[in-house]
Amino acid sequence: MKGLKKKRRIQLIVIAFVSLAVASGLIGYALRDGIAFFRSPSEVAETPPSAEERFRIGGLVEEGSLVRGQGETITFNVTDGAASVKVAYTGVLPDLFAEGQGMIATGTLQGDTFEASEILAKHDEDYMPKEVADTLKEQGLFKPADGAAGGS
């Protein structure tokens, strides 16, 4: 009788472990497309990622680089002050998207052009995405506006 109980207990532990491993694997598989690492234009210029890798790039929209093409395709350069990367986007840009403003794009690098599937722009006068602000601070190009930390 004791041997049977011990055998059942071991079977339950093994089944629980296998179930946990399968669940972890399925969660990892489901999340793999949702993970997009941030890179600055300098990082992309130094070590370009593979064409299959999905990532985020951010910086300032370079002055004079915004070109509206035929239809909905828009191209522009994103810069961090040290390097620029050409971005192509097909779709409607956010209302607050403009040259000289901060932005983050999600997509893949195809050759020397970043093909964006999503573009995020600042949402008020003082906002800049943290990753972009940190990169621009390193380059000496970003200085927070007075009162950016809150208060009115």
C-alpha atoms as a PDB file:
ATOM      1  CA  MET A   1       0.000   0.000   0.000  1.00  0.00           C
ATOM      2  CA  LYS A   2       2.809   2.422   0.865  1.00  0.00           C
ATOM      3  CA  GLY A   3       4.516   1.710  -2.449  1.00  0.00           C
ATOM      4  CA  LEU A   4       1.340   2.585  -4.385  1.00  0.00           C
ATOM      5  CA  LYS A   5       0.929   5.930  -2.590  1.00  0.00           C
ATOM      6  CA  LYS A   6       4.564   6.792  -3.243  1.00  0.00           C
ATOM      7  CA  LYS A   7       4.235   5.858  -6.915  1.00  0.00           C
ATOM      8  CA  ARG A   8       1.063   8.016  -7.313  1.00  0.00           C
ATOM      9  CA  ARG A   9       2.757  10.967  -5.596  1.00  0.00           C
ATOM     10  CA  ILE A  10       5.732  10.734  -7.974  1.00  0.00           C
ATOM     11  CA  GLN A  11       3.378  10.494 -10.964  1.00  0.00           C
ATOM     12  CA  LEU A  12       1.520  13.641  -9.830  1.00  0.00           C
ATOM     13  CA  ILE A  13       4.796  15.544  -9.378  1.00  0.00           C
ATOM     14  CA  VAL A  14       5.997  14.511 -12.851  1.00  0.00           C
ATOM     15  CA  ILE A  15       2.640  15.455 -14.438  1.00  0.00           C
ATOM     16  CA  ALA A  16       2.679  18.832 -12.652  1.00  0.00           C
ATOM     17  CA  PHE A  17       6.275  19.496 -13.794  1.00  0.00           C
ATOM     18  CA  VAL A  18       5.505  18.572 -17.425  1.00  0.00           C
ATOM     19  CA  SER A  19       2.340  20.728 -17.355  1.00  0.00           C
ATOM     20  CA  LEU A  20       4.320  23.674 -15.981  1.00  0.00           C
ATOM     21  CA  ALA A  21       7.005  23.258 -18.653  1.00  0.00           C
ATOM     22  CA  VAL A  22       4.414  23.101 -21.454  1.00  0.00           C
ATOM     23  CA  ALA A  23       2.564  26.158 -20.109  1.00  0.00           C
ATOM     24  CA  SER A  24       5.831  28.125 -19.843  1.00  0.00           C
ATOM     25  CA  GLY A  25       6.757  27.154 -23.393  1.00  0.00           C
ATOM     26  CA  LEU A  26       3.372  28.227 -24.766  1.00  0.00           C
ATOM     27  CA  ILE A  27       3.525  31.569 -22.930  1.00  0.00           C
ATOM     28  CA  GLY A  28       7.031  32.228 -24.269  1.00  0.00           C
ATOM     29  CA  TYR A  29       5.957  31.318 -27.789  1.00  0.00           C
ATOM     30  CA  ALA A  30       2.932  33.638 -27.588  1.00  0.00           C
ATOM     31  CA  LEU A  31       4.990  36.565 -26.295  1.00  0.00           C
ATOM     32  CA  ARG A  32       7.943  36.294 -28.700  1.00  0.00           C
ATOM     33  CA  ASP A  33       6.311  38.580 -31.297  1.00  0.00           C
ATOM     34  CA  GLY A  34       5.262  41.121 -28.672  1.00  0.00           C
ATOM     35  CA  ILE A  35       8.817  41.818 -27.488  1.00  0.00           C
ATOM     36  CA  ALA A  36      10.509  44.688 -29.320  1.00  0.00           C
ATOM     37  CA  PHE A  37      13.805  46.065 -28.033  1.00  0.00           C
ATOM     38  CA  PHE A  38      14.641  49.774 -28.316  1.00  0.00           C
ATOM     39  CA  ARG A  39      17.626  50.925 -30.380  1.00  0.00           C
ATOM     40  CA  SER A  40      18.887  54.413 -31.118  1.00  0.00           C
ATOM     41  CA  PRO A  41      19.866  55.438 -34.678  1.00  0.00           C
ATOM     42  CA  SER A  42      23.547  55.277 -33.611  1.00  0.00           C
ATOM     43  CA  GLU A  43      23.150  51.675 -32.436  1.00  0.00           C
ATOM     44  CA  VAL A  44      21.390  50.722 -35.676  1.00  0.00           C
ATOM     45  CA  ALA A  45      24.144  52.373 -37.762  1.00  0.00           C
ATOM     46  CA  GLU A  46      26.927  50.639 -35.783  1.00  0.00           C
ATOM     47  CA  THR A  47      25.425  47.135 -35.700  1.00  0.00           C
ATOM     48  CA  PRO A  48      22.427  46.714 -38.016  1.00  0.00           C
ATOM     49  CA  PRO A  49      19.991  44.023 -36.814  1.00  0.00           C
ATOM     50  CA  SER A  50      18.834  41.214 -39.080  1.00  0.00           C
ATOM     51  CA  ALA A  51      15.911  41.815 -41.461  1.00  0.00           C
ATOM     52  CA  GLU A  52      13.688  39.479 -39.415  1.00  0.00           C
ATOM     53  CA  GLU A  53      14.272  41.227 -36.069  1.00  0.00           C
ATOM     54  CA  ARG A  54      11.448  43.482 -34.935  1.00  0.00           C
ATOM     55  CA  PHE A  55      12.587  46.405 -32.772  1.00  0.00           C
ATOM     56  CA  ARG A  56      11.842  50.016 -31.841  1.00  0.00           C
ATOM     57  CA  ILE A  57      13.854  52.989 -32.996  1.00  0.00           C
ATOM     58  CA  GLY A  58      13.482  56.461 -31.578  1.00  0.00           C
ATOM     59  CA  GLY A  59      14.852  59.964 -31.736  1.00  0.00           C
ATOM     60  CA  LEU A  60      14.001  63.268 -33.332  1.00  0.00           C
ATOM     61  CA  VAL A  61      12.442  63.585 -36.771  1.00  0.00           C
ATOM     62  CA  GLU A  62      15.229  65.248 -38.773  1.00  0.00           C
ATOM     63  CA  GLU A  63      14.394  68.749 -40.058  1.00  0.00           C
ATOM     64  CA  GLY A  64      13.760  68.828 -43.826  1.00  0.00           C
ATOM     65  CA  SER A  65      13.621  65.036 -44.195  1.00  0.00           C
ATOM     66  CA  LEU A  66       9.842  64.490 -44.200  1.00  0.00           C
ATOM     67  CA  VAL A  67       8.675  63.415 -47.674  1.00  0.00           C
ATOM     68  CA  ARG A  68       5.092  62.512 -48.399  1.00  0.00           C
ATOM     69  CA  GLY A  69       5.072  60.034 -51.276  1.00  0.00           C
ATOM     70  CA  GLN A  70       2.399  58.716 -53.554  1.00  0.00           C
ATOM     71  CA  GLY A  71      -0.608  57.547 -51.554  1.00  0.00           C
ATOM     72  CA  GLU A  72      -0.096  56.972 -47.855  1.00  0.00           C
ATOM     73  CA  THR A  73       3.674  56.269 -47.857  1.00  0.00           C
ATOM     74  CA  ILE A  74       5.771  58.728 -45.874  1.00  0.00           C
ATOM     75  CA  THR A  75       9.554  58.732 -45.503  1.00  0.00           C
ATOM     76  CA  PHE A  76      11.695  60.690 -43.071  1.00  0.00           C
ATOM     77  CA  ASN A  77      14.932  60.392 -41.135  1.00  0.00           C
ATOM     78  CA  VAL A  78      15.115  59.786 -37.401  1.00  0.00           C
ATOM     79  CA  THR A  79      18.253  61.052 -35.668  1.00  0.00           C
ATOM     80  CA  ASP A  80      19.881  61.074 -32.266  1.00  0.00           C
ATOM     81  CA  GLY A  81      22.393  63.716 -33.288  1.00  0.00           C
ATOM     82  CA  ALA A  82      25.165  61.240 -34.069  1.00  0.00           C
ATOM     83  CA  ALA A  83      23.483  59.143 -36.779  1.00  0.00           C
ATOM     84  CA  SER A  84      20.349  59.135 -38.913  1.00  0.00           C
ATOM     85  CA  VAL A  85      18.220  56.254 -40.154  1.00  0.00           C
ATOM     86  CA  LYS A  86      15.723  56.512 -43.017  1.00  0.00           C
ATOM     87  CA  VAL A  87      12.203  55.454 -42.007  1.00  0.00           C
ATOM     88  CA  ALA A  88       9.355  54.490 -44.360  1.00  0.00           C
ATOM     89  CA  TYR A  89       5.812  54.298 -43.049  1.00  0.00           C
ATOM     90  CA  THR A  90       2.559  53.525 -44.835  1.00  0.00           C
ATOM     91  CA  GLY A  91      -0.468  54.766 -42.986  1.00  0.00           C
ATOM     92  CA  VAL A  92      -1.802  57.785 -41.176  1.00  0.00           C
ATOM     93  CA  LEU A  93       0.698  59.594 -38.970  1.00  0.00           C
ATOM     94  CA  PRO A  94      -0.275  60.707 -35.458  1.00  0.00           C
ATOM     95  CA  ASP A  95      -1.660  64.271 -35.329  1.00  0.00           C
ATOM     96  CA  LEU A  96       1.284  65.583 -33.306  1.00  0.00           C
ATOM     97  CA  PHE A  97       3.951  64.076 -35.584  1.00  0.00           C
ATOM     98  CA  ALA A  98       6.261  66.828 -36.906  1.00  0.00           C
ATOM     99  CA  GLU A  99       9.863  67.551 -37.877  1.00  0.00           C
ATOM    100  CA  GLY A 100      12.112  68.247 -34.916  1.00  0.00           C
ATOM    101  CA  GLN A 101       9.828  66.333 -32.530  1.00  0.00           C
ATOM    102  CA  GLY A 102      10.448  63.105 -30.614  1.00  0.00           C
ATOM    103  CA  MET A 103       9.023  59.826 -31.878  1.00  0.00           C
ATOM    104  CA  ILE A 104       9.340  56.059 -31.593  1.00  0.00           C
ATOM    105  CA  ALA A 105       8.669  53.640 -34.446  1.00  0.00           C
ATOM    106  CA  THR A 106       8.250  49.858 -34.324  1.00  0.00           C
ATOM    107  CA  GLY A 107       9.223  47.699 -37.299  1.00  0.00           C
ATOM    108  CA  THR A 108      12.122  46.001 -39.104  1.00  0.00           C
ATOM    109  CA  LEU A 109      15.243  47.151 -40.929  1.00  0.00           C
ATOM    110  CA  GLN A 110      15.099  46.345 -44.650  1.00  0.00           C
ATOM    111  CA  GLY A 111      18.459  47.202 -46.195  1.00  0.00           C
ATOM    112  CA  ASP A 112      19.217  50.750 -45.049  1.00  0.00           C
ATOM    113  CA  THR A 113      15.550  51.708 -44.512  1.00  0.00           C
ATOM    114  CA  PHE A 114      13.545  51.069 -41.365  1.00  0.00           C
ATOM    115  CA  GLU A 115      10.063  49.826 -42.400  1.00  0.00           C
ATOM    116  CA  ALA A 116       7.765  51.053 -39.631  1.00  0.00           C
ATOM    117  CA  SER A 117       4.519  49.304 -38.797  1.00  0.00           C
ATOM    118  CA  GLU A 118       3.621  51.713 -35.961  1.00  0.00           C
ATOM    119  CA  ILE A 119       4.650  55.275 -35.095  1.00  0.00           C
ATOM    120  CA  LEU A 120       4.190  56.969 -31.740  1.00  0.00           C
ATOM    121  CA  ALA A 121       4.650  60.719 -31.303  1.00  0.00           C
ATOM    122  CA  LYS A 122       4.715  63.012 -28.308  1.00  0.00           C
ATOM    123  CA  HIS A 123       1.347  63.711 -26.735  1.00  0.00           C
ATOM    124  CA  ASP A 124       1.875  67.124 -25.131  1.00  0.00           C
ATOM    125  CA  GLU A 125       4.347  70.001 -25.015  1.00  0.00           C
ATOM    126  CA  ASP A 126       6.778  68.426 -22.551  1.00  0.00           C
ATOM    127  CA  TYR A 127       6.562  64.702 -23.271  1.00  0.00           C
ATOM    128  CA  MET A 128       9.374  62.694 -24.802  1.00  0.00           C
ATOM    129  CA  PRO A 129       9.612  58.882 -24.559  1.00  0.00           C
ATOM    130  CA  LYS A 130      12.090  57.905 -21.831  1.00  0.00           C
ATOM    131  CA  GLU A 131      14.305  55.869 -24.168  1.00  0.00           C
ATOM    132  CA  VAL A 132      14.519  58.743 -26.647  1.00  0.00           C
ATOM    133  CA  ALA A 133      15.173  61.331 -23.928  1.00  0.00           C
ATOM    134  CA  ASP A 134      17.966  59.203 -22.424  1.00  0.00           C
ATOM    135  CA  THR A 135      19.638  58.748 -25.803  1.00  0.00           C
ATOM    136  CA  LEU A 136      19.363  62.443 -26.673  1.00  0.00           C
ATOM    137  CA  LYS A 137      20.682  63.451 -23.226  1.00  0.00           C
ATOM    138  CA  GLU A 138      23.778  61.323 -23.879  1.00  0.00           C
ATOM    139  CA  GLN A 139      24.291  63.257 -27.132  1.00  0.00           C
ATOM    140  CA  GLY A 140      23.659  66.599 -25.382  1.00  0.00           C
ATOM    141  CA  LEU A 141      20.646  67.376 -27.609  1.00  0.00           C
ATOM    142  CA  PHE A 142      17.802  67.149 -25.097  1.00  0.00           C
ATOM    143  CA  LYS A 143      17.143  69.539 -22.267  1.00  0.00           C
ATOM    144  CA  PRO A 144      13.829  69.126 -20.411  1.00  0.00           C
ATOM    145  CA  ALA A 145      11.554  72.168 -20.514  1.00  0.00           C
ATOM    146  CA  ASP A 146      10.922  74.116 -17.287  1.00  0.00           C
ATOM    147  CA  GLY A 147       8.075  72.553 -15.344  1.00  0.00           C
ATOM    148  CA  ALA A 148       8.263  69.277 -17.290  1.00  0.00           C
ATOM    149  CA  ALA A 149       8.170  67.351 -14.041  1.00  0.00           C
ATOM    150  CA  GLY A 150       4.636  68.530 -13.318  1.00  0.00           C
ATOM    151  CA  GLY A 151       2.772  71.389 -11.746  1.00  0.00           C
ATOM    152  CA  SER A 152       1.079  74.267 -13.538  1.00  0.00           C
END
